[in-house]
Amino acid sequence: RIVFRNAIEHNDVDIVAVNDPFIEPHYAAYMLKYDSTHGQFKGEIKVDGNNLTVNGKTIRFHMEKDPANIPWSETGAYYVFESTGV
């Protein structure tokens, strides 16, 4: 979450997709908004199906245990940051 929060604050970084195989988008939004470790997120977070909208930017949310199953080329991702710890 801290990488996401830091990246979302930089206009030169576009987060286009997130993968968390353990939680659903609405809970991810809740955890971002009310982070007990890093404090409350000051921006706006909404959930629309499998998308998160953070500060007006739409981010596709995936729940894949195998990241190879994610259509990364369709997201427009140049770099993928793995931080699940699994």
PDB file of N, CA and C in Angstrom:
ATOM      1  N   ARG A   1       0.819  -1.202   0.000  1.00  0.00           N
ATOM      2  CA  ARG A   1       0.000   0.000   0.000  1.00  0.00           C
ATOM      3  C   ARG A   1       0.855   1.255   0.000  1.00  0.00           C
ATOM      4  N   ILE A   2       1.983   1.224   0.686  1.00  0.00           N
ATOM      5  CA  ILE A   2       2.794   2.432   0.758  1.00  0.00           C
ATOM      6  C   ILE A   2       3.384   2.788  -0.609  1.00  0.00           C
ATOM      7  N   VAL A   3       3.759   1.791  -1.393  1.00  0.00           N
ATOM      8  CA  VAL A   3       4.258   2.066  -2.746  1.00  0.00           C
ATOM      9  C   VAL A   3       3.150   2.701  -3.573  1.00  0.00           C
ATOM     10  N   PHE A   4       1.953   2.157  -3.480  1.00  0.00           N
ATOM     11  CA  PHE A   4       0.806   2.700  -4.205  1.00  0.00           C
ATOM     12  C   PHE A   4       0.552   4.143  -3.791  1.00  0.00           C
ATOM     13  N   ARG A   5       0.509   4.389  -2.496  1.00  0.00           N
ATOM     14  CA  ARG A   5       0.224   5.735  -1.992  1.00  0.00           C
ATOM     15  C   ARG A   5       1.273   6.738  -2.444  1.00  0.00           C
ATOM     16  N   ASN A   6       2.532   6.346  -2.410  1.00  0.00           N
ATOM     17  CA  ASN A   6       3.584   7.256  -2.863  1.00  0.00           C
ATOM     18  C   ASN A   6       3.500   7.506  -4.362  1.00  0.00           C
ATOM     19  N   ALA A   7       3.259   6.457  -5.132  1.00  0.00           N
ATOM     20  CA  ALA A   7       3.194   6.601  -6.584  1.00  0.00           C
ATOM     21  C   ALA A   7       2.010   7.455  -7.019  1.00  0.00           C
ATOM     22  N   ILE A   8       0.875   7.315  -6.352  1.00  0.00           N
ATOM     23  CA  ILE A   8      -0.329   8.047  -6.762  1.00  0.00           C
ATOM     24  C   ILE A   8      -0.157   9.556  -6.566  1.00  0.00           C
ATOM     25  N   GLU A   9       0.771   9.949  -5.702  1.00  0.00           N
ATOM     26  CA  GLU A   9       1.011  11.367  -5.447  1.00  0.00           C
ATOM     27  C   GLU A   9       1.936  12.015  -6.473  1.00  0.00           C
ATOM     28  N   HIS A  10       2.518  11.228  -7.367  1.00  0.00           N
ATOM     29  CA  HIS A  10       3.426  11.760  -8.382  1.00  0.00           C
ATOM     30  C   HIS A  10       2.726  11.777  -9.738  1.00  0.00           C
ATOM     31  N   ASN A  11       2.633  12.947 -10.329  1.00  0.00           N
ATOM     32  CA  ASN A  11       1.951  13.078 -11.617  1.00  0.00           C
ATOM     33  C   ASN A  11       2.702  12.399 -12.754  1.00  0.00           C
ATOM     34  N   ASP A  12       3.992  12.112 -12.571  1.00  0.00           N
ATOM     35  CA  ASP A  12       4.764  11.469 -13.628  1.00  0.00           C
ATOM     36  C   ASP A  12       4.707   9.939 -13.555  1.00  0.00           C
ATOM     37  N   VAL A  13       3.911   9.398 -12.627  1.00  0.00           N
ATOM     38  CA  VAL A  13       3.722   7.950 -12.498  1.00  0.00           C
ATOM     39  C   VAL A  13       2.244   7.641 -12.684  1.00  0.00           C
ATOM     40  N   ASP A  14       1.948   6.742 -13.621  1.00  0.00           N
ATOM     41  CA  ASP A  14       0.564   6.307 -13.835  1.00  0.00           C
ATOM     42  C   ASP A  14       0.415   4.870 -13.356  1.00  0.00           C
ATOM     43  N   ILE A  15      -0.414   4.660 -12.374  1.00  0.00           N
ATOM     44  CA  ILE A  15      -0.735   3.304 -11.940  1.00  0.00           C
ATOM     45  C   ILE A  15      -1.927   2.860 -12.772  1.00  0.00           C
ATOM     46  N   VAL A  16      -1.745   1.794 -13.544  1.00  0.00           N
ATOM     47  CA  VAL A  16      -2.802   1.356 -14.456  1.00  0.00           C
ATOM     48  C   VAL A  16      -3.499   0.087 -13.989  1.00  0.00           C
ATOM     49  N   ALA A  17      -2.847  -0.682 -13.103  1.00  0.00           N
ATOM     50  CA  ALA A  17      -3.444  -1.931 -12.625  1.00  0.00           C
ATOM     51  C   ALA A  17      -2.837  -2.311 -11.282  1.00  0.00           C
ATOM     52  N   VAL A  18      -3.632  -3.031 -10.503  1.00  0.00           N
ATOM     53  CA  VAL A  18      -3.194  -3.565  -9.216  1.00  0.00           C
ATOM     54  C   VAL A  18      -3.661  -5.011  -9.155  1.00  0.00           C
ATOM     55  N   ASN A  19      -2.823  -5.868  -8.599  1.00  0.00           N
ATOM     56  CA  ASN A  19      -3.221  -7.256  -8.392  1.00  0.00           C
ATOM     57  C   ASN A  19      -3.075  -7.589  -6.919  1.00  0.00           C
ATOM     58  N   ASP A  20      -4.136  -8.069  -6.318  1.00  0.00           N
ATOM     59  CA  ASP A  20      -4.078  -8.587  -4.955  1.00  0.00           C
ATOM     60  C   ASP A  20      -4.935  -9.842  -4.917  1.00  0.00           C
ATOM     61  N   PRO A  21      -4.301 -11.011  -4.855  1.00  0.00           N
ATOM     62  CA  PRO A  21      -5.065 -12.258  -4.915  1.00  0.00           C
ATOM     63  C   PRO A  21      -5.851 -12.571  -3.652  1.00  0.00           C
ATOM     64  N   PHE A  22      -5.727 -11.741  -2.625  1.00  0.00           N
ATOM     65  CA  PHE A  22      -6.326 -12.074  -1.338  1.00  0.00           C
ATOM     66  C   PHE A  22      -7.512 -11.208  -0.934  1.00  0.00           C
ATOM     67  N   ILE A  23      -7.725 -10.083  -1.592  1.00  0.00           N
ATOM     68  CA  ILE A  23      -8.825  -9.197  -1.189  1.00  0.00           C
ATOM     69  C   ILE A  23      -9.587  -8.690  -2.404  1.00  0.00           C
ATOM     70  N   GLU A  24     -10.812  -8.252  -2.183  1.00  0.00           N
ATOM     71  CA  GLU A  24     -11.657  -7.705  -3.239  1.00  0.00           C
ATOM     72  C   GLU A  24     -11.464  -6.191  -3.317  1.00  0.00           C
ATOM     73  N   PRO A  25     -11.860  -5.588  -4.437  1.00  0.00           N
ATOM     74  CA  PRO A  25     -11.620  -4.150  -4.630  1.00  0.00           C
ATOM     75  C   PRO A  25     -12.172  -3.257  -3.519  1.00  0.00           C
ATOM     76  N   HIS A  26     -13.374  -3.553  -3.019  1.00  0.00           N
ATOM     77  CA  HIS A  26     -13.951  -2.678  -1.989  1.00  0.00           C
ATOM     78  C   HIS A  26     -13.136  -2.710  -0.701  1.00  0.00           C
ATOM     79  N   TYR A  27     -12.549  -3.873  -0.394  1.00  0.00           N
ATOM     80  CA  TYR A  27     -11.723  -3.952   0.812  1.00  0.00           C
ATOM     81  C   TYR A  27     -10.360  -3.296   0.583  1.00  0.00           C
ATOM     82  N   ALA A  28      -9.837  -3.412  -0.633  1.00  0.00           N
ATOM     83  CA  ALA A  28      -8.583  -2.723  -0.969  1.00  0.00           C
ATOM     84  C   ALA A  28      -8.762  -1.219  -0.818  1.00  0.00           C
ATOM     85  N   ALA A  29      -9.896  -0.707  -1.287  1.00  0.00           N
ATOM     86  CA  ALA A  29     -10.182   0.724  -1.156  1.00  0.00           C
ATOM     87  C   ALA A  29     -10.252   1.122   0.311  1.00  0.00           C
ATOM     88  N   TYR A  30     -10.906   0.310   1.103  1.00  0.00           N
ATOM     89  CA  TYR A  30     -11.014   0.585   2.539  1.00  0.00           C
ATOM     90  C   TYR A  30      -9.631   0.605   3.193  1.00  0.00           C
ATOM     91  N   MET A  31      -8.806  -0.397   2.871  1.00  0.00           N
ATOM     92  CA  MET A  31      -7.476  -0.474   3.476  1.00  0.00           C
ATOM     93  C   MET A  31      -6.588   0.687   3.040  1.00  0.00           C
ATOM     94  N   LEU A  32      -6.734   1.143   1.800  1.00  0.00           N
ATOM     95  CA  LEU A  32      -5.977   2.315   1.354  1.00  0.00           C
ATOM     96  C   LEU A  32      -6.434   3.571   2.090  1.00  0.00           C
ATOM     97  N   LYS A  33      -7.731   3.712   2.218  1.00  0.00           N
ATOM     98  CA  LYS A  33      -8.295   4.911   2.840  1.00  0.00           C
ATOM     99  C   LYS A  33      -7.991   4.979   4.334  1.00  0.00           C
ATOM    100  N   TYR A  34      -8.098   3.855   5.019  1.00  0.00           N
ATOM    101  CA  TYR A  34      -7.947   3.844   6.476  1.00  0.00           C
ATOM    102  C   TYR A  34      -6.764   2.980   6.899  1.00  0.00           C
ATOM    103  N   ASP A  35      -5.593   3.275   6.412  1.00  0.00           N
ATOM    104  CA  ASP A  35      -4.383   2.503   6.694  1.00  0.00           C
ATOM    105  C   ASP A  35      -3.933   2.746   8.130  1.00  0.00           C
ATOM    106  N   SER A  36      -3.972   1.705   8.954  1.00  0.00           N
ATOM    107  CA  SER A  36      -3.634   1.858  10.373  1.00  0.00           C
ATOM    108  C   SER A  36      -2.136   2.071  10.594  1.00  0.00           C
ATOM    109  N   THR A  37      -1.319   1.739   9.614  1.00  0.00           N
ATOM    110  CA  THR A  37       0.124   1.936   9.744  1.00  0.00           C
ATOM    111  C   THR A  37       0.558   3.315   9.256  1.00  0.00           C
ATOM    112  N   HIS A  38       0.065   3.725   8.091  1.00  0.00           N
ATOM    113  CA  HIS A  38       0.541   4.955   7.458  1.00  0.00           C
ATOM    114  C   HIS A  38      -0.436   6.119   7.567  1.00  0.00           C
ATOM    115  N   GLY A  39      -1.544   5.900   8.198  1.00  0.00           N
ATOM    116  CA  GLY A  39      -2.520   6.968   8.386  1.00  0.00           C
ATOM    117  C   GLY A  39      -3.555   7.020   7.281  1.00  0.00           C
ATOM    118  N   GLN A  40      -4.558   7.842   7.494  1.00  0.00           N
ATOM    119  CA  GLN A  40      -5.667   7.951   6.549  1.00  0.00           C
ATOM    120  C   GLN A  40      -5.213   8.611   5.256  1.00  0.00           C
ATOM    121  N   PHE A  41      -5.626   8.029   4.125  1.00  0.00           N
ATOM    122  CA  PHE A  41      -5.336   8.586   2.811  1.00  0.00           C
ATOM    123  C   PHE A  41      -6.207   9.811   2.608  1.00  0.00           C
ATOM    124  N   LYS A  42      -5.595  10.910   2.208  1.00  0.00           N
ATOM    125  CA  LYS A  42      -6.321  12.181   2.096  1.00  0.00           C
ATOM    126  C   LYS A  42      -7.059  12.339   0.770  1.00  0.00           C
ATOM    127  N   GLY A  43      -6.772  11.478  -0.196  1.00  0.00           N
ATOM    128  CA  GLY A  43      -7.413  11.596  -1.495  1.00  0.00           C
ATOM    129  C   GLY A  43      -8.774  10.933  -1.544  1.00  0.00           C
ATOM    130  N   GLU A  44      -9.316  10.870  -2.757  1.00  0.00           N
ATOM    131  CA  GLU A  44     -10.635  10.283  -2.985  1.00  0.00           C
ATOM    132  C   GLU A  44     -10.473   8.886  -3.587  1.00  0.00           C
ATOM    133  N   ILE A  45     -11.162   7.913  -3.022  1.00  0.00           N
ATOM    134  CA  ILE A  45     -11.119   6.536  -3.507  1.00  0.00           C
ATOM    135  C   ILE A  45     -12.544   6.046  -3.726  1.00  0.00           C
ATOM    136  N   LYS A  46     -12.791   5.513  -4.929  1.00  0.00           N
ATOM    137  CA  LYS A  46     -14.094   4.936  -5.255  1.00  0.00           C
ATOM    138  C   LYS A  46     -13.875   3.560  -5.870  1.00  0.00           C
ATOM    139  N   VAL A  47     -14.894   2.717  -5.782  1.00  0.00           N
ATOM    140  CA  VAL A  47     -14.863   1.391  -6.396  1.00  0.00           C
ATOM    141  C   VAL A  47     -15.993   1.313  -7.404  1.00  0.00           C
ATOM    142  N   ASP A  48     -15.667   0.834  -8.611  1.00  0.00           N
ATOM    143  CA  ASP A  48     -16.668   0.623  -9.648  1.00  0.00           C
ATOM    144  C   ASP A  48     -16.389  -0.737 -10.274  1.00  0.00           C
ATOM    145  N   GLY A  49     -17.072  -1.758  -9.788  1.00  0.00           N
ATOM    146  CA  GLY A  49     -16.819  -3.113 -10.283  1.00  0.00           C
ATOM    147  C   GLY A  49     -15.417  -3.561  -9.932  1.00  0.00           C
ATOM    148  N   ASN A  50     -14.615  -3.843 -10.955  1.00  0.00           N
ATOM    149  CA  ASN A  50     -13.224  -4.247 -10.739  1.00  0.00           C
ATOM    150  C   ASN A  50     -12.254  -3.100 -10.962  1.00  0.00           C
ATOM    151  N   ASN A  51     -12.729  -1.892 -10.831  1.00  0.00           N
ATOM    152  CA  ASN A  51     -11.866  -0.727 -10.968  1.00  0.00           C
ATOM    153  C   ASN A  51     -11.845   0.069  -9.678  1.00  0.00           C
ATOM    154  N   LEU A  52     -10.667   0.601  -9.365  1.00  0.00           N
ATOM    155  CA  LEU A  52     -10.547   1.601  -8.318  1.00  0.00           C
ATOM    156  C   LEU A  52     -10.377   2.932  -9.026  1.00  0.00           C
ATOM    157  N   THR A  53     -10.994   3.955  -8.516  1.00  0.00           N
ATOM    158  CA  THR A  53     -10.740   5.303  -9.008  1.00  0.00           C
ATOM    159  C   THR A  53     -10.144   6.071  -7.848  1.00  0.00           C
ATOM    160  N   VAL A  54      -8.907   6.500  -8.039  1.00  0.00           N
ATOM    161  CA  VAL A  54      -8.178   7.193  -6.986  1.00  0.00           C
ATOM    162  C   VAL A  54      -7.783   8.564  -7.510  1.00  0.00           C
ATOM    163  N   ASN A  55      -8.302   9.588  -6.853  1.00  0.00           N
ATOM    164  CA  ASN A  55      -8.046  10.975  -7.264  1.00  0.00           C
ATOM    165  C   ASN A  55      -8.349  11.181  -8.746  1.00  0.00           C
ATOM    166  N   GLY A  56      -9.420  10.547  -9.212  1.00  0.00           N
ATOM    167  CA  GLY A  56      -9.860  10.710 -10.595  1.00  0.00           C
ATOM    168  C   GLY A  56      -9.185   9.790 -11.596  1.00  0.00           C
ATOM    169  N   LYS A  57      -8.214   8.980 -11.167  1.00  0.00           N
ATOM    170  CA  LYS A  57      -7.519   8.056 -12.064  1.00  0.00           C
ATOM    171  C   LYS A  57      -8.098   6.652 -11.899  1.00  0.00           C
ATOM    172  N   THR A  58      -8.484   6.026 -13.017  1.00  0.00           N
ATOM    173  CA  THR A  58      -9.057   4.683 -12.980  1.00  0.00           C
ATOM    174  C   THR A  58      -7.946   3.643 -13.035  1.00  0.00           C
ATOM    175  N   ILE A  59      -8.026   2.676 -12.131  1.00  0.00           N
ATOM    176  CA  ILE A  59      -7.013   1.637 -11.997  1.00  0.00           C
ATOM    177  C   ILE A  59      -7.723   0.289 -11.985  1.00  0.00           C
ATOM    178  N   ARG A  60      -7.357  -0.578 -12.905  1.00  0.00           N
ATOM    179  CA  ARG A  60      -7.955  -1.915 -12.999  1.00  0.00           C
ATOM    180  C   ARG A  60      -7.462  -2.773 -11.840  1.00  0.00           C
ATOM    181  N   PHE A  61      -8.378  -3.430 -11.148  1.00  0.00           N
ATOM    182  CA  PHE A  61      -8.046  -4.266  -9.998  1.00  0.00           C
ATOM    183  C   PHE A  61      -8.197  -5.730 -10.376  1.00  0.00           C
ATOM    184  N   HIS A  62      -7.127  -6.508 -10.197  1.00  0.00           N
ATOM    185  CA  HIS A  62      -7.138  -7.944 -10.485  1.00  0.00           C
ATOM    186  C   HIS A  62      -6.979  -8.726  -9.188  1.00  0.00           C
ATOM    187  N   MET A  63      -7.481  -9.955  -9.181  1.00  0.00           N
ATOM    188  CA  MET A  63      -7.356 -10.842  -8.019  1.00  0.00           C
ATOM    189  C   MET A  63      -6.808 -12.196  -8.466  1.00  0.00           C
ATOM    190  N   GLU A  64      -5.674 -12.178  -9.143  1.00  0.00           N
ATOM    191  CA  GLU A  64      -5.073 -13.392  -9.702  1.00  0.00           C
ATOM    192  C   GLU A  64      -3.973 -13.935  -8.800  1.00  0.00           C
ATOM    193  N   LYS A  65      -4.030 -15.218  -8.511  1.00  0.00           N
ATOM    194  CA  LYS A  65      -2.936 -15.843  -7.754  1.00  0.00           C
ATOM    195  C   LYS A  65      -1.699 -16.002  -8.623  1.00  0.00           C
ATOM    196  N   ASP A  66      -1.890 -16.168  -9.925  1.00  0.00           N
ATOM    197  CA  ASP A  66      -0.765 -16.260 -10.857  1.00  0.00           C
ATOM    198  C   ASP A  66      -0.749 -14.999 -11.715  1.00  0.00           C
ATOM    199  N   PRO A  67       0.179 -14.076 -11.466  1.00  0.00           N
ATOM    200  CA  PRO A  67       0.220 -12.817 -12.216  1.00  0.00           C
ATOM    201  C   PRO A  67       0.391 -13.005 -13.724  1.00  0.00           C
ATOM    202  N   ALA A  68       0.849 -14.178 -14.154  1.00  0.00           N
ATOM    203  CA  ALA A  68       0.977 -14.443 -15.587  1.00  0.00           C
ATOM    204  C   ALA A  68      -0.387 -14.463 -16.269  1.00  0.00           C
ATOM    205  N   ASN A  69      -1.462 -14.652 -15.506  1.00  0.00           N
ATOM    206  CA  ASN A  69      -2.816 -14.672 -16.066  1.00  0.00           C
ATOM    207  C   ASN A  69      -3.386 -13.276 -16.307  1.00  0.00           C
ATOM    208  N   ILE A  70      -2.694 -12.259 -15.868  1.00  0.00           N
ATOM    209  CA  ILE A  70      -3.177 -10.885 -16.042  1.00  0.00           C
ATOM    210  C   ILE A  70      -2.760 -10.390 -17.421  1.00  0.00           C
ATOM    211  N   PRO A  71      -3.683  -9.816 -18.181  1.00  0.00           N
ATOM    212  CA  PRO A  71      -3.338  -9.302 -19.511  1.00  0.00           C
ATOM    213  C   PRO A  71      -2.607  -7.953 -19.396  1.00  0.00           C
ATOM    214  N   TRP A  72      -1.342  -8.006 -18.962  1.00  0.00           N
ATOM    215  CA  TRP A  72      -0.588  -6.772 -18.702  1.00  0.00           C
ATOM    216  C   TRP A  72      -0.519  -5.873 -19.928  1.00  0.00           C
ATOM    217  N   SER A  73      -0.400  -6.459 -21.123  1.00  0.00           N
ATOM    218  CA  SER A  73      -0.293  -5.628 -22.329  1.00  0.00           C
ATOM    219  C   SER A  73      -1.554  -4.801 -22.553  1.00  0.00           C
ATOM    220  N   GLU A  74      -2.693  -5.308 -22.107  1.00  0.00           N
ATOM    221  CA  GLU A  74      -3.945  -4.554 -22.244  1.00  0.00           C
ATOM    222  C   GLU A  74      -4.031  -3.387 -21.264  1.00  0.00           C
ATOM    223  N   THR A  75      -3.251  -3.434 -20.195  1.00  0.00           N
ATOM    224  CA  THR A  75      -3.301  -2.364 -19.196  1.00  0.00           C
ATOM    225  C   THR A  75      -2.443  -1.175 -19.592  1.00  0.00           C
ATOM    226  N   GLY A  76      -1.480  -1.402 -20.491  1.00  0.00           N
ATOM    227  CA  GLY A  76      -0.549  -0.337 -20.850  1.00  0.00           C
ATOM    228  C   GLY A  76       0.623  -0.237 -19.889  1.00  0.00           C
ATOM    229  N   ALA A  77       0.825  -1.259 -19.075  1.00  0.00           N
ATOM    230  CA  ALA A  77       1.906  -1.228 -18.080  1.00  0.00           C
ATOM    231  C   ALA A  77       3.269  -1.359 -18.751  1.00  0.00           C
ATOM    232  N   TYR A  78       4.199  -0.519 -18.324  1.00  0.00           N
ATOM    233  CA  TYR A  78       5.594  -0.620 -18.753  1.00  0.00           C
ATOM    234  C   TYR A  78       6.415  -1.386 -17.717  1.00  0.00           C
ATOM    235  N   TYR A  79       6.088  -1.198 -16.468  1.00  0.00           N
ATOM    236  CA  TYR A  79       6.790  -1.847 -15.364  1.00  0.00           C
ATOM    237  C   TYR A  79       5.761  -2.494 -14.446  1.00  0.00           C
ATOM    238  N   VAL A  80       6.135  -3.617 -13.853  1.00  0.00           N
ATOM    239  CA  VAL A  80       5.270  -4.305 -12.899  1.00  0.00           C
ATOM    240  C   VAL A  80       6.048  -4.423 -11.597  1.00  0.00           C
ATOM    241  N   PHE A  81       5.448  -3.989 -10.524  1.00  0.00           N
ATOM    242  CA  PHE A  81       6.066  -4.027  -9.204  1.00  0.00           C
ATOM    243  C   PHE A  81       5.393  -5.115  -8.388  1.00  0.00           C
ATOM    244  N   GLU A  82       6.147  -6.129  -8.010  1.00  0.00           N
ATOM    245  CA  GLU A  82       5.612  -7.253  -7.235  1.00  0.00           C
ATOM    246  C   GLU A  82       5.900  -7.018  -5.756  1.00  0.00           C
ATOM    247  N   SER A  83       4.843  -7.004  -4.945  1.00  0.00           N
ATOM    248  CA  SER A  83       5.060  -6.770  -3.512  1.00  0.00           C
ATOM    249  C   SER A  83       4.107  -7.571  -2.625  1.00  0.00           C
ATOM    250  N   THR A  84       3.591  -8.688  -3.146  1.00  0.00           N
ATOM    251  CA  THR A  84       2.668  -9.481  -2.330  1.00  0.00           C
ATOM    252  C   THR A  84       3.394 -10.270  -1.248  1.00  0.00           C
ATOM    253  N   GLY A  85       4.642 -10.620  -1.493  1.00  0.00           N
ATOM    254  CA  GLY A  85       5.379 -11.407  -0.527  1.00  0.00           C
ATOM    255  C   GLY A  85       5.105 -12.898  -0.613  1.00  0.00           C
ATOM    256  N   VAL A  86       4.356 -13.320  -1.640  1.00  0.00           N
ATOM    257  CA  VAL A  86       4.078 -14.751  -1.796  1.00  0.00           C
ATOM    258  C   VAL A  86       4.926 -15.334  -2.892  1.00  0.00           C
TER     259      VAL A  86
END
